[in-house]
Amino acid sequence: ILQIAPFLGQASPKGGVIGTIQNLPQ
C-alpha cells in the first residue's frame, strides 16, 4: 500500500496506510 503513490509517480501522502487509501482517487 505504501508503494502505491511512488509507483504512480507521486509523493506519498501523509497518514501512512490510511492516508494512502483515502487519497487513492486523487
PDB file of all heavy atoms in Angstrom:
ATOM      1  N   ILE A   1       0.837  -1.210   0.000  1.00  0.00           N
ATOM      2  CA  ILE A   1       0.000   0.000   0.000  1.00  0.00           C
ATOM      3  C   ILE A   1       0.868   1.255   0.000  1.00  0.00           C
ATOM      4  O   ILE A   1       0.582   2.229  -0.718  1.00  0.00           O
ATOM      5  CB  ILE A   1      -0.944  -0.008   1.217  1.00  0.00           C
ATOM      6  CG1 ILE A   1      -1.963  -1.147   1.083  1.00  0.00           C
ATOM      7  CG2 ILE A   1      -1.666   1.327   1.359  1.00  0.00           C
ATOM      8  CD1 ILE A   1      -2.844  -1.329   2.300  1.00  0.00           C
ATOM      9  N   LEU A   2       1.958   1.249   0.787  1.00  0.00           N
ATOM     10  CA  LEU A   2       2.810   2.436   0.867  1.00  0.00           C
ATOM     11  C   LEU A   2       3.560   2.714  -0.437  1.00  0.00           C
ATOM     12  O   LEU A   2       4.063   3.827  -0.627  1.00  0.00           O
ATOM     13  CB  LEU A   2       3.815   2.270   2.013  1.00  0.00           C
ATOM     14  CG  LEU A   2       3.231   2.246   3.433  1.00  0.00           C
ATOM     15  CD1 LEU A   2       4.327   2.055   4.460  1.00  0.00           C
ATOM     16  CD2 LEU A   2       2.445   3.523   3.717  1.00  0.00           C
ATOM     17  N   GLN A   3       3.647   1.716  -1.322  1.00  0.00           N
ATOM     18  CA  GLN A   3       4.341   1.933  -2.606  1.00  0.00           C
ATOM     19  C   GLN A   3       3.404   2.402  -3.712  1.00  0.00           C
ATOM     20  O   GLN A   3       3.862   2.691  -4.831  1.00  0.00           O
ATOM     21  CB  GLN A   3       5.036   0.641  -3.046  1.00  0.00           C
ATOM     22  CG  GLN A   3       6.086   0.139  -2.091  1.00  0.00           C
ATOM     23  CD  GLN A   3       7.017   1.223  -1.600  1.00  0.00           C
ATOM     24  OE1 GLN A   3       7.647   1.935  -2.392  1.00  0.00           O
ATOM     25  NE2 GLN A   3       7.100   1.369  -0.285  1.00  0.00           N
ATOM     26  N   ILE A   4       2.110   2.496  -3.423  1.00  0.00           N
ATOM     27  CA  ILE A   4       1.158   2.881  -4.468  1.00  0.00           C
ATOM     28  C   ILE A   4       1.478   4.273  -5.006  1.00  0.00           C
ATOM     29  O   ILE A   4       1.523   4.491  -6.232  1.00  0.00           O
ATOM     30  CB  ILE A   4      -0.286   2.826  -3.925  1.00  0.00           C
ATOM     31  CG1 ILE A   4      -0.687   1.363  -3.672  1.00  0.00           C
ATOM     32  CG2 ILE A   4      -1.255   3.475  -4.929  1.00  0.00           C
ATOM     33  CD1 ILE A   4      -2.061   1.209  -3.053  1.00  0.00           C
ATOM     34  N   ALA A   5       1.717   5.247  -4.111  1.00  0.00           N
ATOM     35  CA  ALA A   5       1.985   6.624  -4.553  1.00  0.00           C
ATOM     36  C   ALA A   5       3.261   6.719  -5.390  1.00  0.00           C
ATOM     37  O   ALA A   5       3.218   7.231  -6.525  1.00  0.00           O
ATOM     38  CB  ALA A   5       2.037   7.565  -3.352  1.00  0.00           C
ATOM     39  N   PRO A   6       4.432   6.249  -4.905  1.00  0.00           N
ATOM     40  CA  PRO A   6       5.624   6.320  -5.758  1.00  0.00           C
ATOM     41  C   PRO A   6       5.506   5.451  -7.010  1.00  0.00           C
ATOM     42  O   PRO A   6       6.103   5.772  -8.049  1.00  0.00           O
ATOM     43  CB  PRO A   6       6.755   5.829  -4.841  1.00  0.00           C
ATOM     44  CG  PRO A   6       6.093   5.125  -3.718  1.00  0.00           C
ATOM     45  CD  PRO A   6       4.758   5.758  -3.551  1.00  0.00           C
ATOM     46  N   PHE A   7       4.739   4.358  -6.931  1.00  0.00           N
ATOM     47  CA  PHE A   7       4.508   3.518  -8.102  1.00  0.00           C
ATOM     48  C   PHE A   7       3.778   4.307  -9.186  1.00  0.00           C
ATOM     49  O   PHE A   7       4.022   4.114 -10.387  1.00  0.00           O
ATOM     50  CB  PHE A   7       3.662   2.300  -7.686  1.00  0.00           C
ATOM     51  CG  PHE A   7       3.729   1.145  -8.647  1.00  0.00           C
ATOM     52  CD1 PHE A   7       4.579   0.075  -8.412  1.00  0.00           C
ATOM     53  CD2 PHE A   7       2.938   1.114  -9.784  1.00  0.00           C
ATOM     54  CE1 PHE A   7       4.645  -1.003  -9.286  1.00  0.00           C
ATOM     55  CE2 PHE A   7       2.991   0.045 -10.664  1.00  0.00           C
ATOM     56  CZ  PHE A   7       3.850  -1.012 -10.419  1.00  0.00           C
ATOM     57  N   LEU A   8       2.901   5.203  -8.769  1.00  0.00           N
ATOM     58  CA  LEU A   8       2.144   6.025  -9.709  1.00  0.00           C
ATOM     59  C   LEU A   8       2.832   7.351 -10.025  1.00  0.00           C
ATOM     60  O   LEU A   8       2.251   8.219 -10.683  1.00  0.00           O
ATOM     61  CB  LEU A   8       0.743   6.299  -9.155  1.00  0.00           C
ATOM     62  CG  LEU A   8      -0.128   5.045  -8.920  1.00  0.00           C
ATOM     63  CD1 LEU A   8      -1.452   5.433  -8.272  1.00  0.00           C
ATOM     64  CD2 LEU A   8      -0.368   4.311 -10.233  1.00  0.00           C
ATOM     65  N   GLY A   9       4.077   7.503  -9.509  1.00  0.00           N
ATOM     66  CA  GLY A   9       4.857   8.688  -9.845  1.00  0.00           C
ATOM     67  C   GLY A   9       4.561   9.904  -8.993  1.00  0.00           C
ATOM     68  O   GLY A   9       4.755  11.039  -9.449  1.00  0.00           O
ATOM     69  N   GLN A  10       4.121   9.699  -7.737  1.00  0.00           N
ATOM     70  CA  GLN A  10       3.786  10.834  -6.866  1.00  0.00           C
ATOM     71  C   GLN A  10       4.375  10.634  -5.484  1.00  0.00           C
ATOM     72  O   GLN A  10       4.741   9.530  -5.104  1.00  0.00           O
ATOM     73  CB  GLN A  10       2.263  10.972  -6.767  1.00  0.00           C
ATOM     74  CG  GLN A  10       1.597  11.256  -8.118  1.00  0.00           C
ATOM     75  CD  GLN A  10       0.110  11.003  -8.066  1.00  0.00           C
ATOM     76  OE1 GLN A  10      -0.611  11.716  -7.376  1.00  0.00           O
ATOM     77  NE2 GLN A  10      -0.345   9.985  -8.779  1.00  0.00           N
ATOM     78  N   ALA A  11       4.424  11.738  -4.736  1.00  0.00           N
ATOM     79  CA  ALA A  11       4.908  11.670  -3.362  1.00  0.00           C
ATOM     80  C   ALA A  11       3.871  10.978  -2.484  1.00  0.00           C
ATOM     81  O   ALA A  11       2.666  11.090  -2.718  1.00  0.00           O
ATOM     82  CB  ALA A  11       5.188  13.081  -2.843  1.00  0.00           C
ATOM     83  N   SER A  12       4.349  10.259  -1.481  1.00  0.00           N
ATOM     84  CA  SER A  12       3.431   9.554  -0.588  1.00  0.00           C
ATOM     85  C   SER A  12       2.655  10.543   0.272  1.00  0.00           C
ATOM     86  O   SER A  12       3.246  11.461   0.863  1.00  0.00           O
ATOM     87  CB  SER A  12       4.208   8.597   0.318  1.00  0.00           C
ATOM     88  OG  SER A  12       4.860   7.607  -0.443  1.00  0.00           O
ATOM     89  N   PRO A  13       1.344  10.394   0.347  1.00  0.00           N
ATOM     90  CA  PRO A  13       0.548  11.296   1.188  1.00  0.00           C
ATOM     91  C   PRO A  13       0.793  11.026   2.663  1.00  0.00           C
ATOM     92  O   PRO A  13       1.257   9.941   3.040  1.00  0.00           O
ATOM     93  CB  PRO A  13      -0.896  10.955   0.801  1.00  0.00           C
ATOM     94  CG  PRO A  13      -0.836   9.567   0.289  1.00  0.00           C
ATOM     95  CD  PRO A  13       0.517   9.406  -0.342  1.00  0.00           C
ATOM     96  N   LYS A  14       0.465  11.997   3.492  1.00  0.00           N
ATOM     97  CA  LYS A  14       0.622  11.813   4.929  1.00  0.00           C
ATOM     98  C   LYS A  14      -0.464  10.866   5.442  1.00  0.00           C
ATOM     99  O   LYS A  14      -1.506  10.712   4.835  1.00  0.00           O
ATOM    100  CB  LYS A  14       0.510  13.154   5.647  1.00  0.00           C
ATOM    101  CG  LYS A  14       1.653  14.117   5.320  1.00  0.00           C
ATOM    102  CD  LYS A  14       1.506  15.410   6.089  1.00  0.00           C
ATOM    103  CE  LYS A  14       2.670  16.354   5.779  1.00  0.00           C
ATOM    104  NZ  LYS A  14       2.556  17.630   6.515  1.00  0.00           N
ATOM    105  N   GLY A  15      -0.168  10.234   6.578  1.00  0.00           N
ATOM    106  CA  GLY A  15      -1.175   9.354   7.176  1.00  0.00           C
ATOM    107  C   GLY A  15      -0.923   7.883   6.954  1.00  0.00           C
ATOM    108  O   GLY A  15      -1.757   7.062   7.339  1.00  0.00           O
ATOM    109  N   GLY A  16       0.212   7.521   6.345  1.00  0.00           N
ATOM    110  CA  GLY A  16       0.548   6.115   6.179  1.00  0.00           C
ATOM    111  C   GLY A  16      -0.463   5.344   5.355  1.00  0.00           C
ATOM    112  O   GLY A  16      -0.931   5.810   4.302  1.00  0.00           O
ATOM    113  N   VAL A  17      -0.851   4.169   5.833  1.00  0.00           N
ATOM    114  CA  VAL A  17      -1.767   3.297   5.100  1.00  0.00           C
ATOM    115  C   VAL A  17      -3.129   3.958   4.922  1.00  0.00           C
ATOM    116  O   VAL A  17      -3.688   3.991   3.813  1.00  0.00           O
ATOM    117  CB  VAL A  17      -1.921   1.940   5.834  1.00  0.00           C
ATOM    118  CG1 VAL A  17      -3.031   1.112   5.209  1.00  0.00           C
ATOM    119  CG2 VAL A  17      -0.607   1.171   5.799  1.00  0.00           C
ATOM    120  N   ILE A  18      -3.673   4.473   6.010  1.00  0.00           N
ATOM    121  CA  ILE A  18      -4.994   5.103   5.949  1.00  0.00           C
ATOM    122  C   ILE A  18      -4.970   6.303   5.012  1.00  0.00           C
ATOM    123  O   ILE A  18      -5.883   6.493   4.194  1.00  0.00           O
ATOM    124  CB  ILE A  18      -5.467   5.536   7.354  1.00  0.00           C
ATOM    125  CG1 ILE A  18      -5.475   4.338   8.313  1.00  0.00           C
ATOM    126  CG2 ILE A  18      -6.836   6.181   7.290  1.00  0.00           C
ATOM    127  CD1 ILE A  18      -6.432   3.246   7.919  1.00  0.00           C
ATOM    128  N   GLY A  19      -3.911   7.119   5.136  1.00  0.00           N
ATOM    129  CA  GLY A  19      -3.802   8.291   4.269  1.00  0.00           C
ATOM    130  C   GLY A  19      -3.705   7.920   2.805  1.00  0.00           C
ATOM    131  O   GLY A  19      -4.308   8.572   1.942  1.00  0.00           O
ATOM    132  N   THR A  20      -2.966   6.858   2.492  1.00  0.00           N
ATOM    133  CA  THR A  20      -2.840   6.412   1.100  1.00  0.00           C
ATOM    134  C   THR A  20      -4.171   5.928   0.559  1.00  0.00           C
ATOM    135  O   THR A  20      -4.558   6.257  -0.576  1.00  0.00           O
ATOM    136  CB  THR A  20      -1.789   5.290   0.999  1.00  0.00           C
ATOM    137  OG1 THR A  20      -0.522   5.771   1.457  1.00  0.00           O
ATOM    138  CG2 THR A  20      -1.644   4.817  -0.439  1.00  0.00           C
ATOM    139  N   ILE A  21      -4.886   5.138   1.358  1.00  0.00           N
ATOM    140  CA  ILE A  21      -6.194   4.632   0.913  1.00  0.00           C
ATOM    141  C   ILE A  21      -7.179   5.772   0.709  1.00  0.00           C
ATOM    142  O   ILE A  21      -7.938   5.793  -0.276  1.00  0.00           O
ATOM    143  CB  ILE A  21      -6.740   3.620   1.941  1.00  0.00           C
ATOM    144  CG1 ILE A  21      -5.846   2.372   1.965  1.00  0.00           C
ATOM    145  CG2 ILE A  21      -8.176   3.227   1.596  1.00  0.00           C
ATOM    146  CD1 ILE A  21      -6.222   1.378   3.036  1.00  0.00           C
ATOM    147  N   GLN A  22      -7.184   6.748   1.615  1.00  0.00           N
ATOM    148  CA  GLN A  22      -8.102   7.874   1.491  1.00  0.00           C
ATOM    149  C   GLN A  22      -7.789   8.734   0.264  1.00  0.00           C
ATOM    150  O   GLN A  22      -8.703   9.319  -0.337  1.00  0.00           O
ATOM    151  CB  GLN A  22      -8.036   8.732   2.758  1.00  0.00           C
ATOM    152  CG  GLN A  22      -8.640   8.059   3.988  1.00  0.00           C
ATOM    153  CD  GLN A  22      -8.451   8.876   5.246  1.00  0.00           C
ATOM    154  OE1 GLN A  22      -7.571   9.745   5.332  1.00  0.00           O
ATOM    155  NE2 GLN A  22      -9.277   8.602   6.256  1.00  0.00           N
ATOM    156  N   ASN A  23      -6.506   8.824  -0.109  1.00  0.00           N
ATOM    157  CA  ASN A  23      -6.105   9.654  -1.246  1.00  0.00           C
ATOM    158  C   ASN A  23      -5.981   8.865  -2.549  1.00  0.00           C
ATOM    159  O   ASN A  23      -5.473   9.405  -3.537  1.00  0.00           O
ATOM    160  CB  ASN A  23      -4.762  10.329  -0.943  1.00  0.00           C
ATOM    161  CG  ASN A  23      -4.879  11.434   0.079  1.00  0.00           C
ATOM    162  OD1 ASN A  23      -5.214  12.570  -0.238  1.00  0.00           O
ATOM    163  ND2 ASN A  23      -4.616  11.099   1.333  1.00  0.00           N
ATOM    164  N   LEU A  24      -6.443   7.618  -2.547  1.00  0.00           N
ATOM    165  CA  LEU A  24      -6.292   6.780  -3.733  1.00  0.00           C
ATOM    166  C   LEU A  24      -6.947   7.375  -4.976  1.00  0.00           C
ATOM    167  O   LEU A  24      -6.329   7.365  -6.064  1.00  0.00           O
ATOM    168  CB  LEU A  24      -6.850   5.381  -3.438  1.00  0.00           C
ATOM    169  CG  LEU A  24      -6.495   4.285  -4.442  1.00  0.00           C
ATOM    170  CD1 LEU A  24      -4.984   4.158  -4.603  1.00  0.00           C
ATOM    171  CD2 LEU A  24      -7.082   2.942  -4.006  1.00  0.00           C
ATOM    172  N   PRO A  25      -8.177   7.907  -4.908  1.00  0.00           N
ATOM    173  CA  PRO A  25      -8.767   8.523  -6.118  1.00  0.00           C
ATOM    174  C   PRO A  25      -7.903   9.651  -6.684  1.00  0.00           C
ATOM    175  O   PRO A  25      -7.734   9.760  -7.911  1.00  0.00           O
ATOM    176  CB  PRO A  25     -10.117   9.044  -5.616  1.00  0.00           C
ATOM    177  CG  PRO A  25     -10.440   8.171  -4.442  1.00  0.00           C
ATOM    178  CD  PRO A  25      -9.133   7.910  -3.787  1.00  0.00           C
ATOM    179  N   GLN A  26      -7.361  10.480  -5.797  1.00  0.00           N
ATOM    180  CA  GLN A  26      -6.517  11.588  -6.248  1.00  0.00           C
ATOM    181  C   GLN A  26      -5.219  11.067  -6.862  1.00  0.00           C
ATOM    182  O   GLN A  26      -4.741  11.603  -7.874  1.00  0.00           O
ATOM    183  CB  GLN A  26      -6.222  12.515  -5.067  1.00  0.00           C
ATOM    184  CG  GLN A  26      -5.410  13.748  -5.447  1.00  0.00           C
ATOM    185  CD  GLN A  26      -5.149  14.645  -4.247  1.00  0.00           C
ATOM    186  OE1 GLN A  26      -5.724  14.432  -3.175  1.00  0.00           O
ATOM    187  NE2 GLN A  26      -4.287  15.631  -4.421  1.00  0.00           N
TER     188      GLN A  26
END
